[in-house]
Amino acid sequence: MKCHHPAHSTLPPMPSGRASGLVRRLLLTAVVPLLLTACAGTLLPKPTPPPARFTLDAGTAAPTPTAQVTTADAPALTVDLPRAAPGYDSRRMVYQRRPQQLEAFAFHEWVEPPAQMLAPLLVRALQDSGGFRAVLRAPSAAAGGWRLETELLRLHQDFSQRPSQVRLSVRAVLLNSSTRQAVAWREFDVSVAAASEDPVAGAAAAQVAAQQLLTEVAAFCAEQVRAAAAARTPVRPR
């Protein structure tokens, strides 16, 4: 009598060669897309986040301790758009680790080139100084008695020292609009220590430096106006 094992009766029949190939193709069709999707999720690089952007305007007006009451005979002043030295003419937020070598942060930048951001801040500081009847931004149809030309010489965070320092330098030239002759010029250089060694703290220090520099430029221009007015005033004999 033959022994009949019950498990043998539950095994499915082996597929034929053609059926086996069909099963393999069906399995590949189902599995390969899943594998590709999984690989794409792990191998493809993630999108680069947009850079953080900063402004030089701290949101508060520069202090004007030398402000004078504007008189009716005070001259008007036209402010040209500031120029920028090479390396500082873009939105890149730059720093230094070694002398004469500028590097840029990868994920932090200015909302506009710094020289462009300085223009409205200069106008506001000069208006608050009280030394001018009107302060206009060039180009302007109105003719001002004086003209201010500025150039951004440097604006970077210096990591060669601790704490790092943000250095802001501007050259200002005051001209007679009628003769185009330079009346006075000065270079302003301000350094402010950053609270920490990163670009966010550097941007905050740059805002403080900008406010200090604007105050100095406004005081310089107002001083030159007063000196010119005093020179034109005739001395009465006693």
Protein backbone atom coordinates (compact mmCIF):
# COMPACT_ATOMS: atom_id res chain seq x y z
CA MET A 1 0.00 0.00 0.00
CA LYS A 2 1.41 3.37 -1.06
CA CYS A 3 1.71 6.14 1.53
CA HIS A 4 -0.09 9.28 0.37
CA HIS A 5 1.35 12.42 2.08
CA PRO A 6 -1.36 15.09 2.40
CA ALA A 7 1.08 17.97 1.71
CA HIS A 8 1.72 16.69 -1.76
CA SER A 9 -1.85 17.28 -2.70
CA THR A 10 -1.73 21.02 -1.78
CA LEU A 11 1.29 21.99 -3.91
CA PRO A 12 0.36 23.93 -7.08
CA PRO A 13 1.61 22.61 -10.34
CA MET A 14 4.88 24.12 -11.61
CA PRO A 15 4.27 26.61 -14.41
CA SER A 16 5.44 25.79 -17.84
CA GLY A 17 8.37 27.65 -19.43
CA ARG A 18 6.14 30.17 -21.23
CA ALA A 19 4.01 30.79 -18.16
CA SER A 20 7.10 31.22 -15.98
CA GLY A 21 8.47 33.92 -18.28
CA LEU A 22 5.14 35.75 -18.18
CA VAL A 23 5.18 35.73 -14.38
CA ARG A 24 8.69 37.14 -14.30
CA ARG A 25 7.73 39.95 -16.67
CA LEU A 26 4.70 40.80 -14.58
CA LEU A 27 6.83 40.90 -11.43
CA LEU A 28 9.40 43.14 -13.08
CA THR A 29 6.67 45.46 -14.33
CA ALA A 30 5.34 45.87 -10.82
CA VAL A 31 8.61 46.02 -8.86
CA VAL A 32 10.91 48.13 -11.07
CA PRO A 33 8.82 51.34 -10.84
CA LEU A 34 8.79 50.97 -7.05
CA LEU A 35 12.56 50.60 -6.98
CA LEU A 36 13.09 53.60 -9.25
CA THR A 37 10.81 55.73 -7.09
CA ALA A 38 12.67 54.72 -3.95
CA CYS A 39 16.05 55.45 -5.54
CA ALA A 40 14.88 58.81 -6.84
CA GLY A 41 13.81 59.80 -3.35
CA THR A 42 17.20 58.96 -1.87
CA LEU A 43 19.63 59.79 -4.67
CA LEU A 44 18.27 62.98 -6.28
CA PRO A 45 19.57 66.20 -4.64
CA LYS A 46 17.09 68.30 -2.71
CA PRO A 47 16.27 71.76 -4.12
CA THR A 48 18.59 74.49 -2.86
CA PRO A 49 16.73 76.81 -0.48
CA PRO A 50 16.54 80.49 -1.49
CA PRO A 51 19.19 82.72 0.11
CA ALA A 52 18.37 84.80 3.17
CA ARG A 53 18.35 88.48 2.19
CA PHE A 54 19.17 91.51 4.30
CA THR A 55 18.91 95.29 4.10
CA LEU A 56 21.14 98.06 5.43
CA ASP A 57 18.14 99.95 6.80
CA ALA A 58 17.69 99.09 10.46
CA GLY A 59 14.23 100.67 10.41
CA THR A 60 15.19 103.65 12.55
CA ALA A 61 16.37 107.06 11.47
CA ALA A 62 19.99 107.98 12.05
CA PRO A 63 20.51 110.25 15.06
CA THR A 64 21.18 113.86 14.13
CA PRO A 65 22.69 115.59 17.15
CA THR A 66 24.04 118.41 14.99
CA ALA A 67 20.73 119.09 13.21
CA GLN A 68 20.07 122.76 12.52
CA VAL A 69 16.84 124.58 11.75
CA THR A 70 16.55 124.93 7.99
CA THR A 71 16.48 128.54 6.83
CA ALA A 72 14.83 129.92 3.70
CA ASP A 73 18.18 130.75 2.11
CA ALA A 74 19.63 127.28 2.71
CA PRO A 75 20.77 125.65 -0.55
CA ALA A 76 19.26 122.57 -2.16
CA LEU A 77 21.32 119.41 -2.46
CA THR A 78 21.17 116.75 -5.17
CA VAL A 79 22.39 113.29 -4.17
CA ASP A 80 23.82 111.14 -6.96
CA LEU A 81 23.38 107.38 -6.90
CA PRO A 82 26.42 106.05 -5.04
CA ARG A 83 28.98 104.14 -7.07
CA ALA A 84 30.68 100.99 -5.84
CA ALA A 85 34.26 99.77 -5.99
CA PRO A 86 34.90 96.45 -7.76
CA GLY A 87 33.87 93.52 -5.61
CA TYR A 88 31.11 95.48 -3.86
CA ASP A 89 28.86 96.18 -6.86
CA SER A 90 26.48 93.24 -6.49
CA ARG A 91 24.04 91.75 -3.98
CA ARG A 92 26.66 89.31 -2.74
CA MET A 93 27.40 89.54 0.98
CA VAL A 94 31.17 89.34 1.10
CA TYR A 95 33.71 88.62 3.80
CA GLN A 96 37.46 88.36 4.29
CA ARG A 97 39.60 85.73 5.97
CA ARG A 98 42.84 86.88 4.36
CA PRO A 99 43.95 90.37 3.27
CA GLN A 100 43.04 91.38 -0.29
CA GLN A 101 40.83 88.31 -0.82
CA LEU A 102 37.06 88.66 -0.94
CA GLU A 103 34.74 85.67 -0.56
CA ALA A 104 30.94 85.52 -0.70
CA PHE A 105 28.47 83.73 1.54
CA ALA A 106 26.54 81.04 -0.34
CA PHE A 107 23.14 81.40 1.35
CA HIS A 108 23.09 85.04 2.47
CA GLU A 109 22.95 88.19 0.33
CA TRP A 110 21.70 91.79 0.28
CA VAL A 111 18.26 92.60 -1.11
CA GLU A 112 19.98 95.10 -3.46
CA PRO A 113 23.58 96.06 -4.12
CA PRO A 114 24.70 98.00 -1.02
CA ALA A 115 25.44 101.19 -2.96
CA GLN A 116 21.83 101.31 -4.16
CA MET A 117 20.54 100.78 -0.63
CA LEU A 118 22.65 103.69 0.62
CA ALA A 119 21.00 106.25 -1.70
CA PRO A 120 17.63 106.67 0.09
CA LEU A 121 19.34 106.41 3.47
CA LEU A 122 21.66 109.26 2.53
CA VAL A 123 18.74 111.40 1.43
CA ARG A 124 16.91 110.80 4.70
CA ALA A 125 19.97 111.55 6.84
CA LEU A 126 20.72 114.76 4.92
CA GLN A 127 17.12 115.92 5.17
CA ASP A 128 17.19 115.35 8.93
CA SER A 129 20.42 117.33 9.25
CA GLY A 130 18.55 120.57 8.58
CA GLY A 131 21.40 121.98 6.52
CA PHE A 132 19.53 122.04 3.22
CA ARG A 133 16.30 123.52 1.96
CA ALA A 134 15.64 120.39 -0.05
CA VAL A 135 17.47 117.12 -0.65
CA LEU A 136 16.82 115.51 -4.04
CA ARG A 137 17.81 112.22 -5.60
CA ALA A 138 19.43 112.38 -9.03
CA PRO A 139 18.30 112.48 -11.72
CA SER A 140 16.09 115.41 -10.81
CA ALA A 141 14.66 118.23 -12.91
CA ALA A 142 15.17 120.65 -10.05
CA ALA A 143 18.58 122.26 -9.89
CA GLY A 144 20.33 122.08 -6.55
CA GLY A 145 23.01 124.50 -5.44
CA TRP A 146 25.13 121.62 -4.17
CA ARG A 147 25.71 118.08 -5.34
CA LEU A 148 26.91 115.05 -3.39
CA GLU A 149 28.78 112.21 -5.08
CA THR A 150 29.65 109.11 -3.07
CA GLU A 151 31.46 105.84 -3.68
CA LEU A 152 31.21 102.69 -1.62
CA LEU A 153 34.81 101.64 -1.06
CA ARG A 154 34.23 98.53 1.05
CA LEU A 155 31.58 96.66 2.98
CA HIS A 156 32.62 93.28 4.29
CA GLN A 157 32.86 91.16 7.41
CA ASP A 158 36.46 90.60 8.48
CA PHE A 159 37.02 87.19 10.10
CA SER A 160 40.79 87.65 10.47
CA GLN A 161 40.15 88.91 14.01
CA ARG A 162 37.87 87.94 16.89
CA PRO A 163 35.26 89.13 17.24
CA SER A 164 34.80 89.64 13.51
CA GLN A 165 34.43 93.25 12.37
CA VAL A 166 32.16 94.70 9.72
CA ARG A 167 33.95 97.48 7.89
CA LEU A 168 32.07 100.11 5.89
CA SER A 169 33.96 102.81 3.97
CA VAL A 170 32.57 105.57 1.75
CA ARG A 171 34.17 108.48 -0.08
CA ALA A 172 32.01 111.63 -0.24
CA VAL A 173 32.63 114.57 -2.58
CA LEU A 174 30.61 117.78 -2.28
CA LEU A 175 30.45 119.84 -5.46
CA ASN A 176 29.14 123.20 -6.59
CA SER A 177 26.39 122.29 -9.06
CA SER A 178 26.96 125.41 -11.18
CA THR A 179 30.73 125.12 -11.60
CA ARG A 180 31.04 121.34 -11.05
CA GLN A 181 34.03 122.11 -8.87
CA ALA A 182 34.69 120.02 -5.78
CA VAL A 183 34.16 122.08 -2.66
CA ALA A 184 35.20 119.44 -0.13
CA TRP A 185 35.69 115.68 0.14
CA ARG A 186 36.32 113.14 2.86
CA GLU A 187 36.63 109.39 3.33
CA PHE A 188 34.54 107.83 6.09
CA ASP A 189 35.49 104.49 7.61
CA VAL A 190 33.40 102.76 10.27
CA SER A 191 34.05 99.38 11.93
CA VAL A 192 31.53 97.58 14.13
CA ALA A 193 32.09 94.29 15.97
CA ALA A 194 29.69 91.47 15.12
CA ALA A 195 27.85 89.77 17.99
CA SER A 196 28.73 86.31 16.63
CA GLU A 197 30.79 84.77 13.85
CA ASP A 198 28.09 84.39 11.20
CA PRO A 199 26.55 86.42 8.35
CA VAL A 200 23.34 87.20 10.24
CA ALA A 201 25.31 88.97 12.97
CA GLY A 202 27.38 90.60 10.22
CA ALA A 203 24.26 92.04 8.62
CA ALA A 204 23.16 93.48 11.97
CA ALA A 205 26.59 95.03 12.49
CA ALA A 206 26.45 96.47 8.95
CA GLN A 207 23.17 98.21 9.80
CA VAL A 208 24.78 99.82 12.83
CA ALA A 209 27.81 100.83 10.76
CA ALA A 210 25.56 102.37 8.10
CA GLN A 211 23.72 104.49 10.68
CA GLN A 212 27.00 105.77 12.13
CA LEU A 213 28.40 106.56 8.69
CA LEU A 214 25.22 108.35 7.55
CA THR A 215 25.36 110.56 10.63
CA GLU A 216 28.97 111.49 9.89
CA VAL A 217 28.31 112.22 6.20
CA ALA A 218 25.29 114.39 7.02
CA ALA A 219 27.27 116.34 9.64
CA PHE A 220 30.13 116.83 7.17
CA CYS A 221 27.83 118.22 4.47
CA ALA A 222 25.99 120.51 6.87
CA GLU A 223 29.32 121.80 8.20
CA GLN A 224 30.51 122.63 4.69
CA VAL A 225 27.27 124.51 3.96
CA ARG A 226 27.62 126.59 7.09
CA ALA A 227 31.26 127.34 6.29
CA ALA A 228 30.36 128.42 2.75
CA ALA A 229 27.56 130.65 4.03
CA ALA A 230 29.87 132.26 6.58
CA ALA A 231 32.46 132.94 3.88
CA ARG A 232 29.87 134.73 1.75
CA THR A 233 28.61 136.88 4.63
CA PRO A 234 30.30 140.31 4.47
CA VAL A 235 32.04 141.48 7.60
CA ARG A 236 30.49 144.69 8.81
CA PRO A 237 32.98 147.35 9.89
CA ARG A 238 32.71 148.48 13.46
